[in-house]
Amino acid sequence: MSALATPHHTSIPSRLRAMLAERLGLNEQDIADGLHLVDELYVDSLDLVEIEIGVMETFGVELSEEDILTMQTVADLRTIVSNKLALL
C-alpha cells in the first residue's frame, strides 16, 4: 500500500507529510509544520501543481488559487486542508 493510499483514519498531518515527501522527493521526517514551502523546501510553480494534485488525490479536496497564493508554510497547507475537510 502506498503512503497515499493510507486509511482515512490516519491523521491529516501524517498523510500530508507523506504526500509532500512523495511529491517533492523528500523524506517524511524532513517535513515539519514550520517549514516555509518556497524558502526552505524550495517549492516552485511546478511543485505547487504537484501539491495541488496530491491534495486532491490524497484528501479529495481542491485547492483554490487563493489557497495556493496564501499558503506559506506546511502548517498553512495543513490548516487549509483541515478546514476544507471539515466542510465535507
N, C-alpha and C. Protein backbone atom coordinates (compact mmCIF):
# COMPACT_ATOMS: atom_id res chain seq x y z
N MET A 1 0.85 -1.17 0.00
CA MET A 1 0.00 0.00 0.00
C MET A 1 0.89 1.23 0.00
N SER A 2 0.64 2.17 -0.91
CA SER A 2 1.46 3.38 -0.97
C SER A 2 1.11 4.31 0.17
N ALA A 3 1.99 5.28 0.43
CA ALA A 3 1.75 6.24 1.50
C ALA A 3 0.47 7.03 1.25
N LEU A 4 0.12 7.21 -0.02
CA LEU A 4 -1.07 7.99 -0.34
C LEU A 4 -2.35 7.18 -0.19
N ALA A 5 -2.23 5.88 -0.17
CA ALA A 5 -3.42 5.04 -0.09
C ALA A 5 -3.69 4.59 1.35
N THR A 6 -3.22 5.37 2.31
CA THR A 6 -3.44 5.01 3.71
C THR A 6 -4.89 5.17 4.08
N PRO A 7 -5.34 4.44 5.09
CA PRO A 7 -6.73 4.55 5.51
C PRO A 7 -7.08 5.99 5.94
N HIS A 8 -8.36 6.31 5.81
CA HIS A 8 -8.81 7.66 6.13
C HIS A 8 -8.67 8.03 7.60
N HIS A 9 -8.55 7.04 8.48
CA HIS A 9 -8.42 7.36 9.89
C HIS A 9 -7.01 7.84 10.24
N THR A 10 -6.06 7.70 9.33
CA THR A 10 -4.72 8.19 9.56
C THR A 10 -4.78 9.71 9.65
N SER A 11 -3.99 10.28 10.51
CA SER A 11 -4.07 11.72 10.76
C SER A 11 -3.75 12.55 9.53
N ILE A 12 -4.38 13.71 9.48
CA ILE A 12 -4.14 14.64 8.37
C ILE A 12 -2.67 15.03 8.30
N PRO A 13 -2.02 15.40 9.42
CA PRO A 13 -0.60 15.76 9.31
C PRO A 13 0.28 14.66 8.73
N SER A 14 0.06 13.41 9.14
CA SER A 14 0.92 12.34 8.62
C SER A 14 0.63 12.06 7.16
N ARG A 15 -0.63 12.10 6.76
CA ARG A 15 -0.97 11.91 5.34
C ARG A 15 -0.42 13.05 4.50
N LEU A 16 -0.47 14.27 5.03
CA LEU A 16 0.06 15.43 4.31
C LEU A 16 1.58 15.33 4.16
N ARG A 17 2.26 14.93 5.22
CA ARG A 17 3.72 14.76 5.14
C ARG A 17 4.08 13.69 4.12
N ALA A 18 3.34 12.58 4.12
CA ALA A 18 3.61 11.51 3.16
C ALA A 18 3.42 12.00 1.73
N MET A 19 2.35 12.75 1.50
CA MET A 19 2.08 13.27 0.15
C MET A 19 3.18 14.25 -0.26
N LEU A 20 3.54 15.18 0.64
CA LEU A 20 4.58 16.16 0.31
C LEU A 20 5.91 15.46 0.05
N ALA A 21 6.24 14.48 0.86
CA ALA A 21 7.50 13.76 0.67
C ALA A 21 7.53 13.11 -0.70
N GLU A 22 6.43 12.45 -1.07
CA GLU A 22 6.37 11.78 -2.37
C GLU A 22 6.45 12.80 -3.51
N ARG A 23 5.69 13.86 -3.41
CA ARG A 23 5.63 14.86 -4.50
C ARG A 23 6.91 15.67 -4.63
N LEU A 24 7.59 15.92 -3.51
CA LEU A 24 8.78 16.77 -3.54
C LEU A 24 10.08 15.98 -3.49
N GLY A 25 10.00 14.66 -3.40
CA GLY A 25 11.20 13.84 -3.36
C GLY A 25 11.99 14.00 -2.08
N LEU A 26 11.30 14.16 -0.95
CA LEU A 26 11.94 14.35 0.34
C LEU A 26 11.60 13.19 1.27
N ASN A 27 12.27 13.14 2.41
CA ASN A 27 11.92 12.19 3.46
C ASN A 27 10.85 12.80 4.33
N GLU A 28 9.91 11.98 4.77
CA GLU A 28 8.82 12.48 5.61
C GLU A 28 9.35 13.19 6.86
N GLN A 29 10.38 12.65 7.47
CA GLN A 29 10.90 13.25 8.70
C GLN A 29 11.53 14.62 8.47
N ASP A 30 11.79 14.99 7.22
CA ASP A 30 12.36 16.30 6.91
C ASP A 30 11.29 17.37 6.72
N ILE A 31 10.02 16.98 6.81
CA ILE A 31 8.93 17.92 6.57
C ILE A 31 8.28 18.26 7.91
N ALA A 32 8.45 19.50 8.33
CA ALA A 32 7.90 19.98 9.60
C ALA A 32 6.93 21.12 9.33
N ASP A 33 5.96 21.28 10.23
CA ASP A 33 4.92 22.29 10.07
C ASP A 33 5.46 23.69 9.81
N GLY A 34 6.51 24.06 10.50
CA GLY A 34 7.00 25.43 10.41
C GLY A 34 7.83 25.75 9.18
N LEU A 35 8.12 24.75 8.36
CA LEU A 35 8.97 24.99 7.19
C LEU A 35 8.23 25.79 6.13
N HIS A 36 8.93 26.79 5.60
CA HIS A 36 8.40 27.63 4.53
C HIS A 36 8.50 26.85 3.23
N LEU A 37 7.40 26.77 2.51
CA LEU A 37 7.35 25.97 1.29
C LEU A 37 8.39 26.41 0.26
N VAL A 38 8.49 27.71 0.01
CA VAL A 38 9.40 28.21 -1.03
C VAL A 38 10.82 28.34 -0.50
N ASP A 39 10.98 29.01 0.64
CA ASP A 39 12.32 29.33 1.13
C ASP A 39 13.08 28.15 1.73
N GLU A 40 12.35 27.18 2.30
CA GLU A 40 13.04 26.07 2.97
C GLU A 40 12.86 24.72 2.28
N LEU A 41 11.72 24.53 1.62
CA LEU A 41 11.51 23.29 0.88
C LEU A 41 11.72 23.47 -0.62
N TYR A 42 12.02 24.70 -1.02
CA TYR A 42 12.35 25.03 -2.41
C TYR A 42 11.26 24.63 -3.40
N VAL A 43 10.01 24.86 -2.98
CA VAL A 43 8.86 24.58 -3.83
C VAL A 43 8.79 25.64 -4.93
N ASP A 44 8.67 25.20 -6.19
CA ASP A 44 8.50 26.14 -7.30
C ASP A 44 7.09 25.97 -7.87
N SER A 45 6.81 26.66 -8.96
CA SER A 45 5.45 26.64 -9.51
C SER A 45 5.03 25.24 -9.96
N LEU A 46 5.94 24.47 -10.49
CA LEU A 46 5.61 23.10 -10.88
C LEU A 46 5.32 22.23 -9.66
N ASP A 47 6.08 22.45 -8.59
CA ASP A 47 5.83 21.72 -7.35
C ASP A 47 4.45 22.07 -6.78
N LEU A 48 4.05 23.34 -6.93
CA LEU A 48 2.73 23.74 -6.44
C LEU A 48 1.62 22.99 -7.17
N VAL A 49 1.82 22.78 -8.46
CA VAL A 49 0.84 21.98 -9.22
C VAL A 49 0.83 20.55 -8.70
N GLU A 50 2.00 19.99 -8.43
CA GLU A 50 2.10 18.64 -7.87
C GLU A 50 1.41 18.57 -6.51
N ILE A 51 1.60 19.58 -5.68
CA ILE A 51 0.95 19.62 -4.37
C ILE A 51 -0.56 19.70 -4.53
N GLU A 52 -1.01 20.54 -5.44
CA GLU A 52 -2.44 20.68 -5.70
C GLU A 52 -3.05 19.33 -6.10
N ILE A 53 -2.40 18.63 -7.01
CA ILE A 53 -2.87 17.31 -7.45
C ILE A 53 -2.80 16.32 -6.29
N GLY A 54 -1.72 16.37 -5.53
CA GLY A 54 -1.56 15.47 -4.40
C GLY A 54 -2.64 15.66 -3.34
N VAL A 55 -3.01 16.90 -3.08
CA VAL A 55 -4.07 17.18 -2.10
C VAL A 55 -5.39 16.60 -2.61
N MET A 56 -5.66 16.77 -3.89
CA MET A 56 -6.90 16.24 -4.46
C MET A 56 -6.93 14.71 -4.37
N GLU A 57 -5.82 14.07 -4.74
CA GLU A 57 -5.77 12.61 -4.72
C GLU A 57 -5.78 12.05 -3.30
N THR A 58 -5.13 12.72 -2.37
CA THR A 58 -4.98 12.21 -1.02
C THR A 58 -6.20 12.51 -0.14
N PHE A 59 -6.74 13.72 -0.30
CA PHE A 59 -7.82 14.16 0.61
C PHE A 59 -9.16 14.36 -0.09
N GLY A 60 -9.17 14.41 -1.42
CA GLY A 60 -10.42 14.60 -2.13
C GLY A 60 -10.95 16.02 -2.08
N VAL A 61 -10.07 16.98 -1.82
CA VAL A 61 -10.47 18.39 -1.81
C VAL A 61 -9.60 19.16 -2.79
N GLU A 62 -10.16 20.23 -3.32
CA GLU A 62 -9.43 21.06 -4.28
C GLU A 62 -8.89 22.31 -3.61
N LEU A 63 -7.69 22.68 -3.99
CA LEU A 63 -7.12 23.94 -3.55
C LEU A 63 -7.50 25.02 -4.55
N SER A 64 -7.97 26.14 -4.04
CA SER A 64 -8.29 27.26 -4.91
C SER A 64 -7.02 28.05 -5.21
N GLU A 65 -7.11 28.93 -6.18
CA GLU A 65 -5.97 29.79 -6.48
C GLU A 65 -5.61 30.63 -5.26
N GLU A 66 -6.62 31.09 -4.54
CA GLU A 66 -6.38 31.87 -3.32
C GLU A 66 -5.64 31.03 -2.27
N ASP A 67 -6.04 29.75 -2.13
CA ASP A 67 -5.35 28.86 -1.19
C ASP A 67 -3.88 28.76 -1.53
N ILE A 68 -3.60 28.55 -2.80
CA ILE A 68 -2.23 28.36 -3.25
C ILE A 68 -1.41 29.64 -3.03
N LEU A 69 -2.02 30.78 -3.27
CA LEU A 69 -1.31 32.04 -3.12
C LEU A 69 -1.08 32.42 -1.65
N THR A 70 -1.94 31.95 -0.75
CA THR A 70 -1.82 32.35 0.65
C THR A 70 -1.02 31.38 1.50
N MET A 71 -0.88 30.13 1.07
CA MET A 71 -0.14 29.18 1.90
C MET A 71 1.35 29.46 1.80
N GLN A 72 1.96 29.62 2.96
CA GLN A 72 3.38 29.90 3.03
C GLN A 72 4.17 28.75 3.64
N THR A 73 3.57 28.06 4.60
CA THR A 73 4.26 27.00 5.33
C THR A 73 3.49 25.69 5.21
N VAL A 74 4.12 24.63 5.65
CA VAL A 74 3.46 23.33 5.71
C VAL A 74 2.23 23.43 6.62
N ALA A 75 2.36 24.17 7.72
CA ALA A 75 1.23 24.35 8.64
C ALA A 75 0.07 25.07 7.96
N ASP A 76 0.37 26.06 7.12
CA ASP A 76 -0.69 26.75 6.37
C ASP A 76 -1.44 25.76 5.49
N LEU A 77 -0.70 24.92 4.80
CA LEU A 77 -1.32 23.93 3.92
C LEU A 77 -2.17 22.96 4.74
N ARG A 78 -1.65 22.51 5.88
CA ARG A 78 -2.42 21.61 6.76
C ARG A 78 -3.71 22.25 7.22
N THR A 79 -3.66 23.52 7.59
CA THR A 79 -4.85 24.24 8.03
C THR A 79 -5.87 24.35 6.90
N ILE A 80 -5.41 24.67 5.71
CA ILE A 80 -6.31 24.79 4.56
C ILE A 80 -7.00 23.45 4.29
N VAL A 81 -6.23 22.37 4.27
CA VAL A 81 -6.78 21.05 4.02
C VAL A 81 -7.76 20.67 5.14
N SER A 82 -7.38 20.89 6.38
CA SER A 82 -8.24 20.56 7.52
C SER A 82 -9.56 21.31 7.45
N ASN A 83 -9.51 22.61 7.12
CA ASN A 83 -10.72 23.41 7.01
C ASN A 83 -11.62 22.91 5.89
N LYS A 84 -11.03 22.55 4.77
CA LYS A 84 -11.83 22.05 3.65
C LYS A 84 -12.46 20.70 4.00
N LEU A 85 -11.74 19.85 4.68
CA LEU A 85 -12.29 18.55 5.08
C LEU A 85 -13.42 18.72 6.10
N ALA A 86 -13.33 19.74 6.93
CA ALA A 86 -14.37 19.98 7.92
C ALA A 86 -15.69 20.39 7.27
N LEU A 87 -15.60 20.93 6.05
CA LEU A 87 -16.80 21.36 5.33
C LEU A 87 -17.49 20.23 4.60
N LEU A 88 -16.84 19.08 4.49
CA LEU A 88 -17.42 17.94 3.78
C LEU A 88 -18.51 17.26 4.57
